[in-house]
PDB file of N, CA and C in Angstrom:
ATOM      1  N   MET A   1      -2.546   1.223   8.925  1.00  0.00           N
ATOM      2  CA  MET A   1      -1.334   0.827   9.523  1.00  0.00           C
ATOM      3  C   MET A   1      -1.717   0.495  10.662  1.00  0.00           C
ATOM      4  N   GLU A   2      -2.175   0.572  11.265  1.00  0.00           N
ATOM      5  CA  GLU A   2      -2.650   0.268  13.037  1.00  0.00           C
ATOM      6  C   GLU A   2      -3.409  -0.867  12.500  1.00  0.00           C
ATOM      7  N   GLU A   3      -4.549  -1.647  11.821  1.00  0.00           N
ATOM      8  CA  GLU A   3      -4.865  -2.942  11.218  1.00  0.00           C
ATOM      9  C   GLU A   3      -3.777  -3.737  11.168  1.00  0.00           C
ATOM     10  N   TRP A   4      -2.586  -3.252  10.603  1.00  0.00           N
ATOM     11  CA  TRP A   4      -1.512  -3.786   9.822  1.00  0.00           C
ATOM     12  C   TRP A   4      -0.883  -4.820  11.312  1.00  0.00           C
ATOM     13  N   ALA A   5      -0.763  -3.414  11.839  1.00  0.00           N
ATOM     14  CA  ALA A   5       0.417  -3.336  13.113  1.00  0.00           C
ATOM     15  C   ALA A   5      -0.323  -4.409  14.296  1.00  0.00           C
ATOM     16  N   ALA A   6      -1.927  -4.817  14.281  1.00  0.00           N
ATOM     17  CA  ALA A   6      -2.854  -5.681  15.081  1.00  0.00           C
ATOM     18  C   ALA A   6      -2.823  -6.876  14.557  1.00  0.00           C
ATOM     19  N   HIS A   7      -1.987  -7.095  13.182  1.00  0.00           N
ATOM     20  CA  HIS A   7      -2.424  -8.752  12.227  1.00  0.00           C
ATOM     21  C   HIS A   7      -1.619  -8.833  12.151  1.00  0.00           C
ATOM     22  N   ARG A   8      -0.165  -8.164  12.146  1.00  0.00           N
ATOM     23  CA  ARG A   8       1.332  -8.343  11.434  1.00  0.00           C
ATOM     24  C   ARG A   8       2.092  -8.151  12.441  1.00  0.00           C
ATOM     25  N   GLY A   9       2.685  -8.580  12.499  1.00  0.00           N
ATOM     26  CA  GLY A   9       4.239  -8.502  13.275  1.00  0.00           C
ATOM     27  C   GLY A   9       5.580  -8.094  12.561  1.00  0.00           C
ATOM     28  N   GLN A  10       5.575  -7.375  11.670  1.00  0.00           N
ATOM     29  CA  GLN A  10       6.329  -6.951  10.593  1.00  0.00           C
ATOM     30  C   GLN A  10       6.407  -6.452   9.748  1.00  0.00           C
ATOM     31  N   LEU A  11       7.164  -4.858   9.323  1.00  0.00           N
ATOM     32  CA  LEU A  11       6.535  -4.719   7.537  1.00  0.00           C
ATOM     33  C   LEU A  11       6.437  -6.393   6.361  1.00  0.00           C
ATOM     34  N   ARG A  12       7.724  -7.183   6.970  1.00  0.00           N
ATOM     35  CA  ARG A  12       7.739  -8.297   5.757  1.00  0.00           C
ATOM     36  C   ARG A  12       6.778  -9.290   6.130  1.00  0.00           C
ATOM     37  N   ALA A  13       5.724  -8.854   6.731  1.00  0.00           N
ATOM     38  CA  ALA A  13       4.010  -9.736   6.549  1.00  0.00           C
ATOM     39  C   ALA A  13       3.183  -9.681   5.457  1.00  0.00           C
ATOM     40  N   ILE A  14       3.536  -8.064   5.120  1.00  0.00           N
ATOM     41  CA  ILE A  14       2.695  -6.893   4.681  1.00  0.00           C
ATOM     42  C   ILE A  14       2.564  -7.118   2.917  1.00  0.00           C
ATOM     43  N   THR A  15       2.072  -7.584   2.597  1.00  0.00           N
ATOM     44  CA  THR A  15       1.590  -8.012   1.034  1.00  0.00           C
ATOM     45  C   THR A  15       0.796  -7.191   0.070  1.00  0.00           C
ATOM     46  N   ARG A  16       0.583  -7.375  -1.211  1.00  0.00           N
ATOM     47  CA  ARG A  16       0.342  -6.775  -1.589  1.00  0.00           C
ATOM     48  C   ARG A  16      -1.184  -6.544  -1.712  1.00  0.00           C
ATOM     49  N   GLU A  17      -1.695  -7.650  -1.498  1.00  0.00           N
ATOM     50  CA  GLU A  17      -3.102  -8.057  -1.436  1.00  0.00           C
ATOM     51  C   GLU A  17      -3.949  -6.712  -0.307  1.00  0.00           C
ATOM     52  N   ASP A  18      -2.772  -6.918   0.999  1.00  0.00           N
ATOM     53  CA  ASP A  18      -2.716  -5.917   1.882  1.00  0.00           C
ATOM     54  C   ASP A  18      -2.738  -4.778   1.971  1.00  0.00           C
ATOM     55  N   VAL A  19      -2.474  -4.258   1.332  1.00  0.00           N
ATOM     56  CA  VAL A  19      -2.511  -2.930   0.272  1.00  0.00           C
ATOM     57  C   VAL A  19      -3.272  -2.358  -0.578  1.00  0.00           C
ATOM     58  N   MET A  20      -3.640  -3.897  -1.373  1.00  0.00           N
ATOM     59  CA  MET A  20      -4.916  -3.061  -2.455  1.00  0.00           C
ATOM     60  C   MET A  20      -5.784  -3.298  -1.121  1.00  0.00           C
ATOM     61  N   ASP A  21      -6.489  -3.599  -0.458  1.00  0.00           N
ATOM     62  CA  ASP A  21      -7.016  -3.865   0.634  1.00  0.00           C
ATOM     63  C   ASP A  21      -7.253  -2.506   1.074  1.00  0.00           C
ATOM     64  N   THR A  22      -6.575  -2.408   1.596  1.00  0.00           N
ATOM     65  CA  THR A  22      -5.999  -0.832   2.673  1.00  0.00           C
ATOM     66  C   THR A  22      -6.041   0.781   1.789  1.00  0.00           C
ATOM     67  N   VAL A  23      -6.112   0.414   0.271  1.00  0.00           N
ATOM     68  CA  VAL A  23      -6.464   1.680  -0.410  1.00  0.00           C
ATOM     69  C   VAL A  23      -7.837   1.316  -1.347  1.00  0.00           C
ATOM     70  N   ALA A  24      -8.283   0.652  -0.986  1.00  0.00           N
ATOM     71  CA  ALA A  24      -9.317  -0.233  -2.121  1.00  0.00           C
ATOM     72  C   ALA A  24     -10.767   1.302  -2.040  1.00  0.00           C
ATOM     73  N   ASP A  25     -10.515   1.893  -0.420  1.00  0.00           N
ATOM     74  CA  ASP A  25     -11.992   2.391  -0.804  1.00  0.00           C
ATOM     75  C   ASP A  25     -11.662   4.060  -0.399  1.00  0.00           C
ATOM     76  N   LEU A  26     -10.396   4.582  -1.010  1.00  0.00           N
ATOM     77  CA  LEU A  26      -9.769   5.863  -1.004  1.00  0.00           C
ATOM     78  C   LEU A  26     -10.429   6.425  -2.704  1.00  0.00           C
ATOM     79  N   ARG A  27     -10.430   7.523  -3.048  1.00  0.00           N
ATOM     80  CA  ARG A  27     -10.706   7.539  -3.802  1.00  0.00           C
ATOM     81  C   ARG A  27      -9.810   9.564  -3.956  1.00  0.00           C
ATOM     82  N   GLY A  28      -9.580   9.770  -5.007  1.00  0.00           N
ATOM     83  CA  GLY A  28      -8.543  11.028  -5.628  1.00  0.00           C
ATOM     84  C   GLY A  28      -7.464  11.877  -4.181  1.00  0.00           C
ATOM     85  N   SER A  29      -7.467  12.731  -3.344  1.00  0.00           N
ATOM     86  CA  SER A  29      -6.334  13.223  -2.713  1.00  0.00           C
ATOM     87  C   SER A  29      -6.428  12.156  -1.758  1.00  0.00           C
ATOM     88  N   GLN A  30      -7.146  10.987  -1.542  1.00  0.00           N
ATOM     89  CA  GLN A  30      -6.448  10.734  -0.649  1.00  0.00           C
ATOM     90  C   GLN A  30      -5.979   9.181  -1.040  1.00  0.00           C
ATOM     91  N   TYR A  31      -6.596   8.782  -2.165  1.00  0.00           N
ATOM     92  CA  TYR A  31      -5.870   7.253  -3.198  1.00  0.00           C
ATOM     93  C   TYR A  31      -4.205   7.803  -3.101  1.00  0.00           C
ATOM     94  N   THR A  32      -4.075   9.098  -3.629  1.00  0.00           N
ATOM     95  CA  THR A  32      -3.119   9.211  -3.571  1.00  0.00           C
ATOM     96  C   THR A  32      -2.118   9.669  -2.643  1.00  0.00           C
ATOM     97  N   SER A  33      -2.450  10.385  -1.889  1.00  0.00           N
ATOM     98  CA  SER A  33      -1.664  10.425  -0.017  1.00  0.00           C
ATOM     99  C   SER A  33      -1.534   8.887  -0.169  1.00  0.00           C
ATOM    100  N   ALA A  34      -2.097   8.072   0.324  1.00  0.00           N
ATOM    101  CA  ALA A  34      -1.877   7.260   1.270  1.00  0.00           C
ATOM    102  C   ALA A  34      -1.019   6.232  -0.009  1.00  0.00           C
ATOM    103  N   VAL A  35      -1.019   6.111  -1.144  1.00  0.00           N
ATOM    104  CA  VAL A  35      -0.020   5.562  -2.524  1.00  0.00           C
ATOM    105  C   VAL A  35       1.134   5.909  -2.034  1.00  0.00           C
ATOM    106  N   THR A  36       1.049   7.139  -2.467  1.00  0.00           N
ATOM    107  CA  THR A  36       2.659   7.748  -2.532  1.00  0.00           C
ATOM    108  C   THR A  36       3.237   7.674  -0.740  1.00  0.00           C
ATOM    109  N   SER A  37       2.718   7.302   0.303  1.00  0.00           N
ATOM    110  CA  SER A  37       3.454   7.316   1.830  1.00  0.00           C
ATOM    111  C   SER A  37       3.745   6.022   1.563  1.00  0.00           C
ATOM    112  N   LEU A  38       3.019   4.999   1.423  1.00  0.00           N
ATOM    113  CA  LEU A  38       3.772   3.596   1.551  1.00  0.00           C
ATOM    114  C   LEU A  38       4.068   3.391   0.398  1.00  0.00           C
ATOM    115  N   ARG A  39       4.178   3.571  -0.991  1.00  0.00           N
ATOM    116  CA  ARG A  39       5.798   4.198  -1.896  1.00  0.00           C
ATOM    117  C   ARG A  39       6.748   3.943  -0.993  1.00  0.00           C
ATOM    118  N   SER A  40       6.789   5.075  -0.286  1.00  0.00           N
ATOM    119  CA  SER A  40       7.851   5.982   0.321  1.00  0.00           C
ATOM    120  C   SER A  40       8.449   5.188   1.398  1.00  0.00           C
ATOM    121  N   LEU A  41       6.976   4.665   1.486  1.00  0.00           N
ATOM    122  CA  LEU A  41       7.940   3.645   3.324  1.00  0.00           C
ATOM    123  C   LEU A  41       8.054   2.423   3.032  1.00  0.00           C
ATOM    124  N   PHE A  42       8.309   1.872   1.667  1.00  0.00           N
ATOM    125  CA  PHE A  42       8.518   0.529   1.698  1.00  0.00           C
ATOM    126  C   PHE A  42       9.888   0.770   0.449  1.00  0.00           C
ATOM    127  N   ARG A  43       9.343   1.504  -0.101  1.00  0.00           N
ATOM    128  CA  ARG A  43      11.054   2.053  -0.308  1.00  0.00           C
ATOM    129  C   ARG A  43      12.137   2.184   0.509  1.00  0.00           C
ATOM    130  N   TYR A  44      12.454   3.090   1.190  1.00  0.00           N
ATOM    131  CA  TYR A  44      13.078   2.823   2.650  1.00  0.00           C
ATOM    132  C   TYR A  44      13.973   1.936   3.160  1.00  0.00           C
ATOM    133  N   ALA A  45      12.428   1.221   3.319  1.00  0.00           N
ATOM    134  CA  ALA A  45      12.306  -0.078   4.400  1.00  0.00           C
ATOM    135  C   ALA A  45      13.404  -1.332   3.400  1.00  0.00           C
ATOM    136  N   LYS A  46      12.434  -1.262   1.960  1.00  0.00           N
ATOM    137  CA  LYS A  46      13.626  -1.998   1.030  1.00  0.00           C
ATOM    138  C   LYS A  46      15.462  -1.692   0.941  1.00  0.00           C
ATOM    139  N   GLN A  47      15.324  -0.079   1.047  1.00  0.00           N
ATOM    140  CA  GLN A  47      17.046   0.087   0.911  1.00  0.00           C
ATOM    141  C   GLN A  47      17.861  -0.184   2.087  1.00  0.00           C
ATOM    142  N   HIS A  48      17.027  -0.306   3.067  1.00  0.00           N
ATOM    143  CA  HIS A  48      17.606  -0.512   4.656  1.00  0.00           C
ATOM    144  C   HIS A  48      17.942  -1.813   5.023  1.00  0.00           C
ATOM    145  N   ARG A  49      17.265  -3.136   4.385  1.00  0.00           N
ATOM    146  CA  ARG A  49      16.334  -4.571   4.062  1.00  0.00           C
ATOM    147  C   ARG A  49      16.093  -4.062   5.243  1.00  0.00           C
ATOM    148  N   CYS A  50      15.056  -3.541   5.460  1.00  0.00           N
ATOM    149  CA  CYS A  50      14.407  -4.347   6.675  1.00  0.00           C
ATOM    150  C   CYS A  50      12.603  -5.315   6.038  1.00  0.00           C
ATOM    151  N   VAL A  51      13.098  -4.844   4.835  1.00  0.00           N
ATOM    152  CA  VAL A  51      11.830  -6.280   4.097  1.00  0.00           C
ATOM    153  C   VAL A  51      12.565  -6.541   2.828  1.00  0.00           C
ATOM    154  N   PHE A  52      12.597  -7.541   2.056  1.00  0.00           N
ATOM    155  CA  PHE A  52      12.793  -8.163   1.339  1.00  0.00           C
ATOM    156  C   PHE A  52      11.946  -8.040  -0.016  1.00  0.00           C
ATOM    157  N   THR A  53      10.921  -7.785  -0.154  1.00  0.00           N
ATOM    158  CA  THR A  53      10.172  -7.668  -1.522  1.00  0.00           C
ATOM    159  C   THR A  53       8.809  -6.495  -0.648  1.00  0.00           C
ATOM    160  N   ASP A  54       8.908  -5.813  -1.858  1.00  0.00           N
ATOM    161  CA  ASP A  54       7.915  -3.909  -2.396  1.00  0.00           C
ATOM    162  C   ASP A  54       6.855  -4.755  -2.446  1.00  0.00           C
ATOM    163  N   PRO A  55       5.684  -4.679  -1.588  1.00  0.00           N
ATOM    164  CA  PRO A  55       4.613  -5.107  -2.306  1.00  0.00           C
ATOM    165  C   PRO A  55       3.443  -4.227  -2.712  1.00  0.00           C
ATOM    166  N   MET A  56       4.445  -2.327  -2.758  1.00  0.00           N
ATOM    167  CA  MET A  56       4.216  -1.473  -3.656  1.00  0.00           C
ATOM    168  C   MET A  56       4.502  -1.248  -5.013  1.00  0.00           C
ATOM    169  N   ARG A  57       5.318  -1.742  -5.746  1.00  0.00           N
ATOM    170  CA  ARG A  57       5.845  -2.848  -7.064  1.00  0.00           C
ATOM    171  C   ARG A  57       5.091  -2.843  -7.568  1.00  0.00           C
ATOM    172  N   GLY A  58       4.503  -2.132  -9.016  1.00  0.00           N
ATOM    173  CA  GLY A  58       3.121  -1.548  -9.683  1.00  0.00           C
ATOM    174  C   GLY A  58       2.446  -1.354  -9.521  1.00  0.00           C
ATOM    175  N   ILE A  59       2.264  -0.489  -8.199  1.00  0.00           N
ATOM    176  CA  ILE A  59       1.230   0.358  -7.619  1.00  0.00           C
ATOM    177  C   ILE A  59       1.030   1.782  -7.781  1.00  0.00           C
ATOM    178  N   ARG A  60       0.816   1.646  -8.645  1.00  0.00           N
ATOM    179  CA  ARG A  60       0.997   3.394  -9.241  1.00  0.00           C
ATOM    180  C   ARG A  60      -0.321   4.064  -8.862  1.00  0.00           C
ATOM    181  N   VAL A  61       0.270   5.545  -8.631  1.00  0.00           N
ATOM    182  CA  VAL A  61      -0.589   6.564  -7.994  1.00  0.00           C
ATOM    183  C   VAL A  61      -1.795   6.697  -9.316  1.00  0.00           C
ATOM    184  N   GLY A  62      -1.243   7.181 -10.801  1.00  0.00           N
ATOM    185  CA  GLY A  62      -2.674   7.228 -11.782  1.00  0.00           C
ATOM    186  C   GLY A  62      -2.705   6.283 -12.076  1.00  0.00           C
ATOM    187  N   HIS A  63      -2.504   4.932 -11.863  1.00  0.00           N
ATOM    188  CA  HIS A  63      -3.222   3.699 -12.447  1.00  0.00           C
ATOM    189  C   HIS A  63      -4.045   3.423 -10.841  1.00  0.00           C
ATOM    190  N   ARG A  64      -5.498   3.014 -11.506  1.00  0.00           N
ATOM    191  CA  ARG A  64      -6.209   2.017 -10.423  1.00  0.00           C
ATOM    192  C   ARG A  64      -6.926   1.523 -10.744  1.00  0.00           C
ATOM    193  N   SER A  65      -7.058   0.055 -10.290  1.00  0.00           N
ATOM    194  CA  SER A  65      -8.002  -0.945 -10.429  1.00  0.00           C
ATOM    195  C   SER A  65      -9.407   0.124 -10.802  1.00  0.00           C
ATOM    196  N   PRO A  66     -10.451  -0.466 -11.706  1.00  0.00           N
ATOM    197  CA  PRO A  66     -11.574   0.123 -11.568  1.00  0.00           C
ATOM    198  C   PRO A  66     -12.256  -0.369 -10.513  1.00  0.00           C
ATOM    199  N   GLY A  67     -12.423   0.782  -9.502  1.00  0.00           N
ATOM    200  CA  GLY A  67     -13.884   0.418  -8.366  1.00  0.00           C
ATOM    201  C   GLY A  67     -15.271   0.172  -9.247  1.00  0.00           C
ATOM    202  N   PRO A  68     -16.456   0.301  -7.961  1.00  0.00           N
ATOM    203  CA  PRO A  68     -17.484  -0.009  -7.904  1.00  0.00           C
ATOM    204  C   PRO A  68     -18.116   1.348  -9.278  1.00  0.00           C
ATOM    205  N   SER A  69     -18.967   1.244  -9.615  1.00  0.00           N
ATOM    206  CA  SER A  69     -19.384   2.136 -10.418  1.00  0.00           C
ATOM    207  C   SER A  69     -20.541   3.519  -9.915  1.00  0.00           C
ATOM    208  N   PRO A  70     -20.352   4.410  -9.966  1.00  0.00           N
ATOM    209  CA  PRO A  70     -21.375   4.965  -9.101  1.00  0.00           C
ATOM    210  C   PRO A  70     -22.868   4.809  -9.758  1.00  0.00           C
ATOM    211  N   ARG A  71     -23.657   5.132  -8.776  1.00  0.00           N
ATOM    212  CA  ARG A  71     -24.991   4.932  -9.578  1.00  0.00           C
ATOM    213  C   ARG A  71     -25.802   6.348  -9.230  1.00  0.00           C
TER     214      ARG A  71
END
């Protein structure tokens, strides 16, 4: 979020790509916590009309794109 604040002026400027880049390196409980927290934040912002679209839409806790395979 601190990185977003430095480059984006408002939550409205956050895109799905920004979210995916943020959680790309997270694994396990860190990934789950981050996605759950961001989903909650953007759901609240959408309900209170602070954002027009929800960049978390379609991103599920249990379903993530495969990352690099471990060696």
